Amino acid sequence: MAYLDNVAVFVRVVELGNLSAAGRDMRISPAVASNRIKELEKHLGVRLFNRTTRQLMPTEQGRVFYDGARKVLEAVADAEAAVSALSGQPRGTIRVTAPLGLGRRMIASGIPEFRARYPDIEVRLRLSDHEVDIMKEGIDVAFRLGLLEDSSLRMRGVMDCERVLVAAPRYLEDHGEPQSPEELLKHDCLMLRYPGAREHFWTLQTPSGPRKLDVRGPYDSDDGDVLTGWAIAGHGIILKPRFEVEPFIRDLRLKVILQDTPPQPVQLAAVYPHRQYQDTKVRLLLDFMADRCQRMIRDILAGR
């Protein structure tokens, strides 16, 4: 088992680029990770990495070994999942990622209940409004809220979510309320931006079809909750899934605008690597979280 542990550390170092990141991911110190790499190199009789001050780059032998090592680890994970399914006692670790707002309110709050049902399953949650590279980061399940594109990943849809444009009444009093999509171009629009972000425009549904608008504003952030706070404070207009801002609409801190030309809806879905579809623990988490998110969103929209 020690050799397999060494192989697992090696794979994560290749994928994450340095010992510290791999150590954090695997909950071991950089020193332990370094020793495991050295043991593996001694066993194989080759150098697996070219070392620089900031990053470890795999050698030619390292790249060849990585391709085979990853397949071995995947095969072991699949075998463990199959045994777990037969035994009726799902166990192991699930790495999960979700957007910040959705993750805090619905995913994170549900993990203790999930763990109470399945105490042998460990959940490691990573929240980020950035789109995480599932394969590179070793993620088992990613909950996403957006305009999802076709990919090599499997996807389980959870529900379609209405989106709205909202602003604080104070902002609308000071700047005027837009009466047409084109008028948004004159307003302070608060944008969710980060390196690699795909949605650089706001697309509204109009009688003549989708209307894409290159809106701009003085603020942007990679945290959607920060944008909501700015909007409530009167700094501009935001585009949000309705369930995220419904409580602020009900208490009149935010007002829905351009209701006749709303934004395109988005899909809440879970995506995961193809090989995970037979893993009992992953399937249990998907079932649990999908049901939980559906119930919570419906309750929020109903004002319960």
Protein backbone atom coordinates (compact mmCIF):
# COMPACT_ATOMS: atom_id res chain seq x y z
CA MET A 1 0.00 0.00 0.00
CA ALA A 2 2.94 2.33 0.66
CA TYR A 3 4.01 2.07 -2.96
CA LEU A 4 0.49 2.97 -4.13
CA ASP A 5 0.50 5.94 -1.77
CA ASN A 6 3.75 7.09 -3.35
CA VAL A 7 2.24 6.76 -6.81
CA ALA A 8 -0.81 8.76 -5.71
CA VAL A 9 1.39 11.58 -4.40
CA PHE A 10 3.36 11.60 -7.65
CA VAL A 11 0.18 11.92 -9.72
CA ARG A 12 -1.11 14.85 -7.66
CA VAL A 13 2.26 16.64 -7.83
CA VAL A 14 2.17 16.37 -11.63
CA GLU A 15 -1.40 17.65 -11.75
CA LEU A 16 -0.97 20.51 -9.27
CA GLY A 17 2.59 21.46 -10.16
CA ASN A 18 4.23 21.57 -6.73
CA LEU A 19 4.70 19.63 -3.51
CA SER A 20 2.90 22.10 -1.25
CA ALA A 21 -0.33 22.01 -3.27
CA ALA A 22 -0.21 18.23 -3.55
CA GLY A 23 0.47 17.91 0.16
CA ARG A 24 -2.48 20.13 1.08
CA ASP A 25 -4.72 18.17 -1.26
CA MET A 26 -3.69 14.86 0.27
CA ARG A 27 -3.43 16.18 3.83
CA ILE A 28 0.26 15.48 4.25
CA SER A 29 3.18 17.84 4.75
CA PRO A 30 5.40 18.94 1.85
CA ALA A 31 8.25 17.06 3.53
CA VAL A 32 6.29 13.81 3.53
CA ALA A 33 5.26 14.37 -0.09
CA SER A 34 8.90 15.00 -1.03
CA ASN A 35 10.05 11.80 0.70
CA ARG A 36 7.42 9.77 -1.13
CA ILE A 37 8.57 11.14 -4.46
CA LYS A 38 12.18 10.30 -3.57
CA GLU A 39 11.19 6.74 -2.60
CA LEU A 40 9.37 6.33 -5.90
CA GLU A 41 12.33 7.65 -7.89
CA LYS A 42 14.66 5.29 -6.01
CA HIS A 43 12.37 2.34 -6.73
CA LEU A 44 12.11 3.19 -10.44
CA GLY A 45 15.74 4.18 -10.80
CA VAL A 46 14.93 7.36 -12.71
CA ARG A 47 14.41 11.07 -12.05
CA LEU A 48 10.70 11.86 -12.32
CA PHE A 49 10.90 15.66 -12.00
CA ASN A 50 13.09 18.55 -13.04
CA ARG A 51 13.09 20.79 -9.98
CA THR A 52 12.96 24.60 -10.10
CA THR A 53 12.51 27.06 -7.27
CA ARG A 54 8.77 27.31 -7.83
CA GLN A 55 7.60 24.27 -9.74
CA LEU A 56 8.28 20.62 -10.42
CA MET A 57 8.13 19.70 -14.10
CA PRO A 58 7.93 16.01 -15.01
CA THR A 59 10.85 14.60 -16.97
CA GLU A 60 10.22 12.51 -20.08
CA GLN A 61 10.24 9.41 -17.87
CA GLY A 62 7.90 11.21 -15.46
CA ARG A 63 5.38 12.00 -18.19
CA VAL A 64 5.38 8.39 -19.37
CA PHE A 65 4.98 7.09 -15.82
CA TYR A 66 2.18 9.59 -15.10
CA ASP A 67 0.02 8.32 -17.95
CA GLY A 68 0.21 4.76 -16.68
CA ALA A 69 0.04 5.68 -13.00
CA ARG A 70 -3.18 7.66 -13.40
CA LYS A 71 -4.83 4.69 -15.12
CA VAL A 72 -3.73 2.40 -12.30
CA LEU A 73 -5.18 4.72 -9.64
CA GLU A 74 -8.44 5.03 -11.58
CA ALA A 75 -8.64 1.24 -11.88
CA VAL A 76 -8.10 0.85 -8.13
CA ALA A 77 -10.77 3.48 -7.41
CA ASP A 78 -13.21 1.72 -9.73
CA ALA A 79 -12.49 -1.63 -8.08
CA GLU A 80 -13.04 -0.15 -4.62
CA ALA A 81 -16.31 1.40 -5.78
CA ALA A 82 -17.49 -1.96 -7.15
CA VAL A 83 -16.67 -3.74 -3.89
CA SER A 84 -18.37 -0.99 -1.91
CA ALA A 85 -21.53 -1.38 -4.03
CA LEU A 86 -21.61 -5.13 -3.43
CA SER A 87 -21.02 -4.82 0.30
CA GLY A 88 -23.80 -2.25 0.74
CA GLN A 89 -21.46 -0.10 2.83
CA PRO A 90 -20.31 2.85 0.69
CA ARG A 91 -17.04 4.31 1.90
CA GLY A 92 -14.22 6.52 0.70
CA THR A 93 -13.59 10.18 -0.13
CA ILE A 94 -15.55 12.40 -2.51
CA ARG A 95 -14.01 15.66 -3.70
CA VAL A 96 -16.75 18.18 -4.45
CA THR A 97 -16.72 21.71 -5.82
CA ALA A 98 -19.50 24.28 -6.15
CA PRO A 99 -19.98 28.03 -6.72
CA LEU A 100 -19.54 30.13 -3.59
CA GLY A 101 -23.14 31.23 -3.01
CA LEU A 102 -24.81 27.97 -3.93
CA GLY A 103 -22.11 26.02 -2.13
CA ARG A 104 -22.40 27.94 1.14
CA ARG A 105 -26.21 27.91 1.27
CA MET A 106 -27.12 24.47 -0.06
CA ILE A 107 -24.16 22.14 -0.49
CA ALA A 108 -22.06 22.88 2.61
CA SER A 109 -25.09 23.03 4.88
CA GLY A 110 -26.19 19.59 3.67
CA ILE A 111 -22.90 17.75 4.15
CA PRO A 112 -23.35 17.05 7.90
CA GLU A 113 -26.73 15.41 7.18
CA PHE A 114 -25.22 13.39 4.33
CA ARG A 115 -22.38 12.28 6.60
CA ALA A 116 -24.88 11.29 9.29
CA ARG A 117 -26.51 8.97 6.78
CA TYR A 118 -23.25 7.63 5.39
CA PRO A 119 -20.59 7.97 8.09
CA ASP A 120 -17.96 6.05 6.11
CA ILE A 121 -18.00 8.61 3.27
CA GLU A 122 -15.69 11.60 3.67
CA VAL A 123 -16.57 14.76 1.72
CA ARG A 124 -13.96 17.37 0.83
CA LEU A 125 -15.64 20.55 -0.38
CA ARG A 126 -14.01 23.33 -2.38
CA LEU A 127 -16.02 26.48 -3.08
CA SER A 128 -15.14 28.84 -5.91
CA ASP A 129 -16.93 30.99 -8.46
CA HIS A 130 -14.09 30.13 -10.85
CA GLU A 131 -14.77 27.17 -13.10
CA VAL A 132 -12.57 24.41 -11.71
CA ASP A 133 -10.80 22.01 -14.08
CA ILE A 134 -12.27 18.76 -12.78
CA MET A 135 -9.74 16.44 -14.34
CA LYS A 136 -6.70 18.49 -13.35
CA GLU A 137 -7.89 19.11 -9.80
CA GLY A 138 -9.02 15.53 -9.19
CA ILE A 139 -12.63 16.53 -8.52
CA ASP A 140 -15.28 13.80 -8.34
CA VAL A 141 -18.39 16.02 -8.57
CA ALA A 142 -18.77 19.68 -9.59
CA PHE A 143 -22.04 21.51 -9.07
CA ARG A 144 -22.37 24.23 -11.67
CA LEU A 145 -24.84 27.00 -12.28
CA GLY A 146 -24.67 28.53 -15.72
CA LEU A 147 -24.95 28.05 -19.46
CA LEU A 148 -23.38 24.62 -19.59
CA GLU A 149 -21.52 23.51 -22.69
CA ASP A 150 -21.07 20.04 -24.09
CA SER A 151 -17.93 18.37 -22.80
CA SER A 152 -16.31 15.02 -22.22
CA LEU A 153 -17.85 14.97 -18.73
CA ARG A 154 -21.09 13.32 -17.73
CA MET A 155 -23.83 15.68 -16.55
CA ARG A 156 -26.85 15.28 -14.32
CA GLY A 157 -29.30 18.15 -14.58
CA VAL A 158 -30.84 19.30 -11.31
CA MET A 159 -33.19 22.11 -12.42
CA ASP A 160 -33.51 25.13 -14.68
CA CYS A 161 -33.19 28.42 -12.83
CA GLU A 162 -34.79 31.74 -13.76
CA ARG A 163 -32.45 34.73 -13.78
CA VAL A 164 -33.32 38.37 -13.17
CA LEU A 165 -31.78 41.82 -13.45
CA VAL A 166 -32.00 43.69 -10.15
CA ALA A 167 -30.83 46.94 -8.62
CA ALA A 168 -31.41 48.84 -5.40
CA PRO A 169 -34.28 51.35 -5.47
CA ARG A 170 -31.77 54.04 -4.48
CA TYR A 171 -29.63 53.31 -7.54
CA LEU A 172 -32.69 53.46 -9.82
CA GLU A 173 -33.79 56.76 -8.29
CA ASP A 174 -30.34 58.28 -8.87
CA HIS A 175 -29.69 56.86 -12.37
CA GLY A 176 -33.14 56.13 -13.77
CA GLU A 177 -34.67 52.72 -14.44
CA PRO A 178 -33.73 51.15 -17.81
CA GLN A 179 -36.76 50.75 -20.08
CA SER A 180 -35.07 48.69 -22.81
CA PRO A 181 -32.12 46.28 -23.00
CA GLU A 182 -30.06 48.87 -24.89
CA GLU A 183 -30.32 51.31 -21.99
CA LEU A 184 -28.23 48.92 -19.88
CA LEU A 185 -25.23 50.07 -21.89
CA LYS A 186 -25.48 53.44 -20.11
CA HIS A 187 -25.64 51.95 -16.61
CA ASP A 188 -23.23 50.61 -14.01
CA CYS A 189 -23.44 46.85 -14.45
CA LEU A 190 -21.69 44.71 -11.86
CA MET A 191 -19.93 41.78 -13.50
CA LEU A 192 -18.69 38.40 -12.33
CA ARG A 193 -15.21 38.23 -13.84
CA TYR A 194 -12.17 36.04 -13.35
CA PRO A 195 -9.43 34.61 -15.59
CA GLY A 196 -11.05 32.15 -17.98
CA ALA A 197 -14.61 33.38 -17.40
CA ARG A 198 -16.84 32.59 -20.37
CA GLU A 199 -19.85 34.84 -19.88
CA HIS A 200 -18.52 38.28 -20.82
CA PHE A 201 -21.91 39.53 -22.04
CA TRP A 202 -25.43 39.71 -20.72
CA THR A 203 -27.90 37.99 -23.02
CA LEU A 204 -31.56 38.99 -22.70
CA GLN A 205 -34.62 37.34 -24.21
CA THR A 206 -36.45 39.75 -26.53
CA PRO A 207 -39.39 39.35 -28.96
CA SER A 208 -36.88 39.31 -31.82
CA GLY A 209 -34.64 36.71 -30.20
CA PRO A 210 -31.66 36.71 -27.84
CA ARG A 211 -29.99 40.12 -27.49
CA LYS A 212 -26.34 40.08 -26.44
CA LEU A 213 -25.15 43.19 -24.65
CA ASP A 214 -21.55 44.20 -23.92
CA VAL A 215 -22.38 45.86 -20.61
CA ARG A 216 -19.80 47.53 -18.43
CA GLY A 217 -19.41 49.06 -14.99
CA PRO A 218 -16.94 50.40 -12.45
CA TYR A 219 -16.89 47.23 -10.33
CA ASP A 220 -16.34 43.56 -11.00
CA SER A 221 -15.47 40.62 -8.76
CA ASP A 222 -14.86 36.89 -8.86
CA ASP A 223 -17.28 36.41 -5.92
CA GLY A 224 -20.98 36.58 -6.73
CA ASP A 225 -21.97 37.44 -3.16
CA VAL A 226 -19.73 40.52 -3.31
CA LEU A 227 -21.68 41.68 -6.38
CA THR A 228 -24.97 41.22 -4.52
CA GLY A 229 -23.67 43.30 -1.63
CA TRP A 230 -22.61 46.08 -3.98
CA ALA A 231 -26.01 46.06 -5.67
CA ILE A 232 -27.85 46.27 -2.34
CA ALA A 233 -25.60 49.20 -1.40
CA GLY A 234 -26.75 51.03 -4.56
CA HIS A 235 -23.65 50.68 -6.72
CA GLY A 236 -25.20 49.15 -9.83
CA ILE A 237 -27.23 46.47 -11.57
CA ILE A 238 -26.59 42.73 -11.27
CA LEU A 239 -27.75 39.67 -13.18
CA LYS A 240 -28.49 36.78 -10.83
CA PRO A 241 -30.41 33.51 -10.49
CA ARG A 242 -33.68 34.59 -8.92
CA PHE A 243 -33.40 32.24 -5.95
CA GLU A 244 -30.13 33.93 -4.88
CA VAL A 245 -31.73 37.38 -4.61
CA GLU A 246 -35.39 36.55 -3.91
CA PRO A 247 -35.15 37.42 -0.17
CA PHE A 248 -33.79 40.87 -1.07
CA ILE A 249 -36.55 41.37 -3.66
CA ARG A 250 -39.19 40.48 -1.07
CA ASP A 251 -37.85 42.93 1.51
CA LEU A 252 -37.57 45.63 -1.19
CA ARG A 253 -33.81 46.03 -0.97
CA LEU A 254 -33.62 45.04 -4.65
CA LYS A 255 -36.05 45.62 -7.50
CA VAL A 256 -36.44 43.50 -10.63
CA ILE A 257 -36.05 45.50 -13.86
CA LEU A 258 -36.71 44.76 -17.54
CA GLN A 259 -39.14 41.97 -16.69
CA ASP A 260 -40.41 41.82 -20.28
CA THR A 261 -36.91 41.03 -21.57
CA PRO A 262 -35.39 38.81 -18.87
CA PRO A 263 -31.98 37.17 -19.01
CA GLN A 264 -31.63 33.67 -20.34
CA PRO A 265 -32.21 31.05 -17.63
CA VAL A 266 -29.34 28.90 -16.44
CA GLN A 267 -29.10 25.27 -15.51
CA LEU A 268 -28.10 23.92 -12.14
CA ALA A 269 -26.34 20.64 -12.81
CA ALA A 270 -23.71 18.26 -11.48
CA VAL A 271 -20.88 17.19 -13.75
CA TYR A 272 -18.43 14.39 -13.13
CA PRO A 273 -15.92 12.20 -14.98
CA HIS A 274 -17.34 9.29 -16.98
CA ARG A 275 -15.65 6.68 -14.82
CA GLN A 276 -17.51 7.92 -11.74
CA TYR A 277 -20.99 6.97 -12.92
CA GLN A 278 -20.75 3.50 -11.34
CA ASP A 279 -19.40 4.74 -8.00
CA THR A 280 -22.10 4.19 -5.38
CA LYS A 281 -20.90 6.95 -3.06
CA VAL A 282 -20.92 9.50 -5.89
CA ARG A 283 -24.41 8.45 -6.94
CA LEU A 284 -25.65 8.73 -3.35
CA LEU A 285 -24.24 12.25 -3.05
CA LEU A 286 -25.79 13.30 -6.36
CA ASP A 287 -29.21 11.99 -5.33
CA PHE A 288 -29.02 13.64 -1.92
CA MET A 289 -27.83 17.05 -3.11
CA ALA A 290 -30.12 17.19 -6.15
CA ASP A 291 -33.18 16.60 -3.97
CA ARG A 292 -31.93 19.07 -1.36
CA CYS A 293 -31.22 21.85 -3.87
CA GLN A 294 -34.59 21.42 -5.57
CA ARG A 295 -36.46 21.63 -2.26
CA MET A 296 -34.49 24.60 -0.98
CA ILE A 297 -34.81 26.62 -4.18
CA ARG A 298 -38.56 26.01 -4.38
CA ASP A 299 -38.94 27.03 -0.75
CA ILE A 300 -36.95 30.23 -1.30
CA LEU A 301 -39.02 31.19 -4.36
CA ALA A 302 -42.24 30.44 -2.45
CA GLY A 303 -41.11 32.63 0.44
CA ARG A 304 -40.96 29.76 2.92
